[in-house]
Amino acid sequence: MTNQPVPEDPTWEAKRRRAGIAAFLVGAAASIAFFAFFPGLPHVIDWGAIIVSLSIGGLARWAWQSRITKNHATPR
């Protein structure tokens, strides 16, 4: 049985997790809105648009969490 690493600061981990969830939701909502309202696109939300939106949300989550982690690790 492997031991799970214990987070050094549970409040920091909780803040990082909440920020990741918020970034995912914003990224996914923005891309769904793009597919729904951008002129010239068919105004149909199909499975491709949903998969792309979830991917963009995941990318936004990853980018935001790496940014705040890098800023947290950098001494001021």
C-alpha atoms as a PDB file:
ATOM      1  CA  MET A   1       0.000   0.000   0.000  1.00  0.00           C
ATOM      2  CA  THR A   2       1.405   3.368  -0.988  1.00  0.00           C
ATOM      3  CA  ASN A   3       1.189   6.346   1.285  1.00  0.00           C
ATOM      4  CA  GLN A   4      -0.572   9.405  -0.030  1.00  0.00           C
ATOM      5  CA  PRO A   5       1.473  12.593   0.275  1.00  0.00           C
ATOM      6  CA  VAL A   6       0.131  14.887   2.947  1.00  0.00           C
ATOM      7  CA  PRO A   7      -0.368  18.447   1.717  1.00  0.00           C
ATOM      8  CA  GLU A   8       1.880  20.917   3.465  1.00  0.00           C
ATOM      9  CA  ASP A   9      -0.829  23.538   3.813  1.00  0.00           C
ATOM     10  CA  PRO A  10      -4.428  22.286   3.631  1.00  0.00           C
ATOM     11  CA  THR A  11      -5.847  25.814   3.295  1.00  0.00           C
ATOM     12  CA  TRP A  12      -3.585  26.459   0.285  1.00  0.00           C
ATOM     13  CA  GLU A  13      -4.670  23.182  -1.312  1.00  0.00           C
ATOM     14  CA  ALA A  14      -8.334  24.075  -0.771  1.00  0.00           C
ATOM     15  CA  LYS A  15      -7.811  27.529  -2.283  1.00  0.00           C
ATOM     16  CA  ARG A  16      -5.980  26.005  -5.259  1.00  0.00           C
ATOM     17  CA  ARG A  17      -8.772  23.459  -5.788  1.00  0.00           C
ATOM     18  CA  ARG A  18     -11.502  26.144  -5.646  1.00  0.00           C
ATOM     19  CA  ALA A  19      -9.559  28.314  -8.099  1.00  0.00           C
ATOM     20  CA  GLY A  20      -9.235  25.337 -10.450  1.00  0.00           C
ATOM     21  CA  ILE A  21     -12.966  24.653 -10.324  1.00  0.00           C
ATOM     22  CA  ALA A  22     -13.753  28.308 -11.004  1.00  0.00           C
ATOM     23  CA  ALA A  23     -11.306  28.434 -13.940  1.00  0.00           C
ATOM     24  CA  PHE A  24     -12.812  25.262 -15.407  1.00  0.00           C
ATOM     25  CA  LEU A  25     -16.349  26.630 -15.180  1.00  0.00           C
ATOM     26  CA  VAL A  26     -15.393  29.995 -16.692  1.00  0.00           C
ATOM     27  CA  GLY A  27     -13.483  28.361 -19.555  1.00  0.00           C
ATOM     28  CA  ALA A  28     -16.245  25.890 -20.338  1.00  0.00           C
ATOM     29  CA  ALA A  29     -18.984  28.534 -20.128  1.00  0.00           C
ATOM     30  CA  ALA A  30     -17.054  30.963 -22.327  1.00  0.00           C
ATOM     31  CA  SER A  31     -16.484  28.376 -25.029  1.00  0.00           C
ATOM     32  CA  ILE A  32     -20.129  27.206 -24.932  1.00  0.00           C
ATOM     33  CA  ALA A  33     -21.178  30.857 -25.264  1.00  0.00           C
ATOM     34  CA  PHE A  34     -18.809  31.233 -28.213  1.00  0.00           C
ATOM     35  CA  PHE A  35     -20.369  28.269 -29.983  1.00  0.00           C
ATOM     36  CA  ALA A  36     -23.878  29.455 -29.171  1.00  0.00           C
ATOM     37  CA  PHE A  37     -23.644  33.139 -30.097  1.00  0.00           C
ATOM     38  CA  PHE A  38     -20.753  33.676 -32.538  1.00  0.00           C
ATOM     39  CA  PRO A  39     -22.128  34.920 -35.871  1.00  0.00           C
ATOM     40  CA  GLY A  40     -21.626  32.592 -38.786  1.00  0.00           C
ATOM     41  CA  LEU A  41     -21.555  29.371 -36.816  1.00  0.00           C
ATOM     42  CA  PRO A  42     -24.534  27.083 -36.850  1.00  0.00           C
ATOM     43  CA  HIS A  43     -26.323  27.809 -33.610  1.00  0.00           C
ATOM     44  CA  VAL A  44     -26.473  24.210 -32.547  1.00  0.00           C
ATOM     45  CA  ILE A  45     -24.647  22.873 -29.534  1.00  0.00           C
ATOM     46  CA  ASP A  46     -23.634  19.366 -30.609  1.00  0.00           C
ATOM     47  CA  TRP A  47     -21.363  16.784 -28.979  1.00  0.00           C
ATOM     48  CA  GLY A  48     -18.304  18.238 -30.688  1.00  0.00           C
ATOM     49  CA  ALA A  49     -18.938  21.654 -29.155  1.00  0.00           C
ATOM     50  CA  ILE A  50     -19.470  20.092 -25.738  1.00  0.00           C
ATOM     51  CA  ILE A  51     -16.240  18.073 -25.938  1.00  0.00           C
ATOM     52  CA  VAL A  52     -14.269  21.106 -27.127  1.00  0.00           C
ATOM     53  CA  SER A  53     -15.769  23.221 -24.341  1.00  0.00           C
ATOM     54  CA  LEU A  54     -14.842  20.650 -21.698  1.00  0.00           C
ATOM     55  CA  SER A  55     -11.322  20.487 -23.139  1.00  0.00           C
ATOM     56  CA  ILE A  56     -10.984  24.264 -23.042  1.00  0.00           C
ATOM     57  CA  GLY A  57     -12.274  24.243 -19.464  1.00  0.00           C
ATOM     58  CA  GLY A  58      -9.643  21.644 -18.540  1.00  0.00           C
ATOM     59  CA  LEU A  59      -6.934  23.689 -20.234  1.00  0.00           C
ATOM     60  CA  ALA A  60      -8.065  26.823 -18.379  1.00  0.00           C
ATOM     61  CA  ARG A  61      -8.011  24.898 -15.080  1.00  0.00           C
ATOM     62  CA  TRP A  62      -4.512  23.565 -15.728  1.00  0.00           C
ATOM     63  CA  ALA A  63      -3.174  26.990 -16.776  1.00  0.00           C
ATOM     64  CA  TRP A  64      -4.688  28.815 -13.800  1.00  0.00           C
ATOM     65  CA  GLN A  65      -3.537  26.242 -11.244  1.00  0.00           C
ATOM     66  CA  SER A  66       0.007  26.236 -12.627  1.00  0.00           C
ATOM     67  CA  ARG A  67       0.074  30.023 -12.569  1.00  0.00           C
ATOM     68  CA  ILE A  68      -1.098  30.389  -8.975  1.00  0.00           C
ATOM     69  CA  THR A  69       1.214  27.564  -7.871  1.00  0.00           C
ATOM     70  CA  LYS A  70       4.168  29.275  -9.540  1.00  0.00           C
ATOM     71  CA  ASN A  71       3.243  32.591  -7.909  1.00  0.00           C
ATOM     72  CA  HIS A  72       2.838  30.853  -4.537  1.00  0.00           C
ATOM     73  CA  ALA A  73       6.229  29.139  -4.782  1.00  0.00           C
ATOM     74  CA  THR A  74       8.100  32.278  -5.825  1.00  0.00           C
ATOM     75  CA  PRO A  75       9.537  34.163  -2.830  1.00  0.00           C
ATOM     76  CA  ARG A  76       8.502  37.782  -2.669  1.00  0.00           C
END
